[in-house]
Amino acid sequence: MGDIVETAVYAQWIPRTGTNISCANWKNGRKDQGEVDIVGINPAKLKPEWAVEIKWTDGFFHNPQNLLSLKSYMEKNEMDYAMVTTKTETGMKDMPFGKLQFIPVACYAYTVGGNTLTSMKNSFGM
């Protein structure tokens, strides 16, 4: 189910123009690997500005210390804030590596989709 949710959220970004998004996936050695689902890249600096970890569970809201890949990515890129989607939970968690904003994935997808529609309308002068 997690892959389907990630695809549904990512699909909300695809039509948007002027936004440079990517995913982060890395491997150090044979066992140490990580992934962050959506990363916003600053085109002038070619550096990440924001990150979103897409989850279809409330488990990480209750145990945010288990978001090891996101923690590693935030520390490496000197980020002090990231967003994590959940199934139903909402809230902010202050972690030693930065603030994590938790939002239900349905709300996040709805918001991104609405913003994409507004952006597209504006680009067509509507």
Protein backbone atom coordinates (compact mmCIF):
# COMPACT_ATOMS: atom_id res chain seq x y z
CA MET A 1 0.00 0.00 0.00
CA GLY A 2 2.91 2.34 0.74
CA ASP A 3 4.12 2.33 -2.88
CA ILE A 4 0.63 3.18 -4.13
CA VAL A 5 0.36 6.09 -1.70
CA GLU A 6 3.81 7.40 -2.73
CA THR A 7 2.81 7.22 -6.39
CA ALA A 8 -0.49 9.00 -5.76
CA VAL A 9 1.24 11.85 -3.93
CA TYR A 10 4.05 12.15 -6.46
CA ALA A 11 1.47 12.28 -9.26
CA GLN A 12 0.05 15.48 -7.76
CA TRP A 13 3.40 17.19 -8.37
CA ILE A 14 3.94 16.03 -11.97
CA PRO A 15 1.87 18.67 -13.84
CA ARG A 16 3.33 21.56 -11.82
CA THR A 17 5.66 23.82 -13.74
CA GLY A 18 8.55 25.70 -12.18
CA THR A 19 9.05 23.21 -9.35
CA ASN A 20 12.17 21.11 -9.25
CA ILE A 21 11.47 17.95 -7.26
CA SER A 22 13.30 14.68 -7.01
CA CYS A 23 13.72 11.71 -4.72
CA ALA A 24 16.87 10.95 -2.79
CA ASN A 25 18.28 7.46 -2.79
CA TRP A 26 21.79 6.58 -1.66
CA LYS A 27 23.99 3.69 -0.69
CA ASN A 28 27.16 3.75 1.39
CA GLY A 29 28.81 0.37 1.34
CA ARG A 30 26.79 -2.80 1.11
CA LYS A 31 24.26 -2.34 3.89
CA ASP A 32 23.96 1.37 4.66
CA GLN A 33 21.32 2.79 2.34
CA GLY A 34 18.59 5.35 2.55
CA GLU A 35 15.77 7.09 0.76
CA VAL A 36 13.71 10.24 1.08
CA ASP A 37 10.59 10.24 -1.06
CA ILE A 38 10.25 13.85 -2.26
CA VAL A 39 12.94 16.51 -2.17
CA GLY A 40 12.58 20.08 -3.39
CA ILE A 41 15.75 21.29 -5.11
CA ASN A 42 16.76 24.96 -5.27
CA PRO A 43 17.67 25.34 -8.98
CA ALA A 44 20.13 28.19 -8.36
CA LYS A 45 22.07 26.40 -5.62
CA LEU A 46 21.38 22.83 -6.77
CA LYS A 47 20.82 21.98 -3.12
CA PRO A 48 17.76 20.54 -1.36
CA GLU A 49 15.48 23.08 0.32
CA TRP A 50 12.77 20.82 1.69
CA ALA A 51 11.94 17.15 2.10
CA VAL A 52 8.80 15.03 2.49
CA GLU A 53 8.74 11.44 3.66
CA ILE A 54 5.56 9.70 2.47
CA LYS A 55 4.19 7.13 4.92
CA TRP A 56 0.89 5.24 5.17
CA THR A 57 1.14 4.55 8.89
CA ASP A 58 0.87 6.42 12.17
CA GLY A 59 3.80 4.46 13.59
CA PHE A 60 6.41 7.09 12.81
CA PHE A 61 4.32 9.79 14.49
CA HIS A 62 4.61 7.81 17.71
CA ASN A 63 8.23 6.76 17.06
CA PRO A 64 9.85 9.52 14.95
CA GLN A 65 13.32 8.39 16.02
CA ASN A 66 12.82 5.46 13.61
CA LEU A 67 12.93 7.79 10.57
CA LEU A 68 16.63 7.00 10.13
CA SER A 69 16.95 7.85 6.43
CA LEU A 70 15.20 11.18 6.87
CA LYS A 71 17.38 11.97 9.91
CA SER A 72 20.54 11.16 7.96
CA TYR A 73 19.41 13.24 4.97
CA MET A 74 18.48 16.23 7.11
CA GLU A 75 21.81 16.15 8.94
CA LYS A 76 23.87 15.75 5.77
CA ASN A 77 22.06 18.61 4.02
CA GLU A 78 21.83 20.86 7.10
CA MET A 79 18.03 20.93 7.02
CA ASP A 80 16.17 21.81 10.20
CA TYR A 81 12.62 20.96 9.03
CA ALA A 82 10.90 18.20 7.06
CA MET A 83 7.39 16.92 6.53
CA VAL A 84 6.21 13.34 7.13
CA THR A 85 2.83 12.06 6.04
CA THR A 86 0.79 9.73 8.21
CA LYS A 87 -2.43 7.78 7.95
CA THR A 88 -4.38 9.93 10.45
CA GLU A 89 -2.06 11.80 12.86
CA THR A 90 -1.23 15.51 12.78
CA GLY A 91 1.37 17.40 14.77
CA MET A 92 4.89 18.73 15.14
CA LYS A 93 7.74 16.84 16.77
CA ASP A 94 10.98 18.50 17.85
CA MET A 95 13.80 16.06 17.28
CA PRO A 96 17.53 16.53 17.97
CA PHE A 97 18.09 16.73 14.19
CA GLY A 98 15.21 19.15 13.43
CA LYS A 99 11.45 19.68 13.42
CA LEU A 100 9.16 17.14 11.81
CA GLN A 101 5.71 18.23 10.68
CA PHE A 102 3.28 15.29 10.50
CA ILE A 103 0.17 15.52 8.31
CA PRO A 104 -2.27 12.88 7.03
CA VAL A 105 -1.29 11.83 3.52
CA ALA A 106 -4.81 12.50 2.19
CA CYS A 107 -4.57 16.12 3.36
CA TYR A 108 -1.09 16.51 1.88
CA ALA A 109 -2.11 15.06 -1.51
CA TYR A 110 -5.24 17.25 -1.56
CA THR A 111 -3.23 20.38 -0.78
CA VAL A 112 -0.52 19.65 -3.34
CA GLY A 113 -3.15 18.83 -5.98
CA GLY A 114 -5.04 22.05 -5.27
CA ASN A 115 -1.86 24.10 -5.41
CA THR A 116 -0.91 22.42 -8.69
CA LEU A 117 -4.31 23.27 -10.20
CA THR A 118 -3.98 26.89 -9.10
CA SER A 119 -0.46 27.06 -10.52
CA MET A 120 -1.61 25.60 -13.84
CA LYS A 121 -4.58 27.99 -14.06
CA ASN A 122 -2.28 30.93 -13.40
CA SER A 123 0.16 29.80 -16.09
CA PHE A 124 -2.73 29.82 -18.60
CA GLY A 125 -3.96 33.23 -17.42
CA MET A 126 -7.18 31.86 -15.94
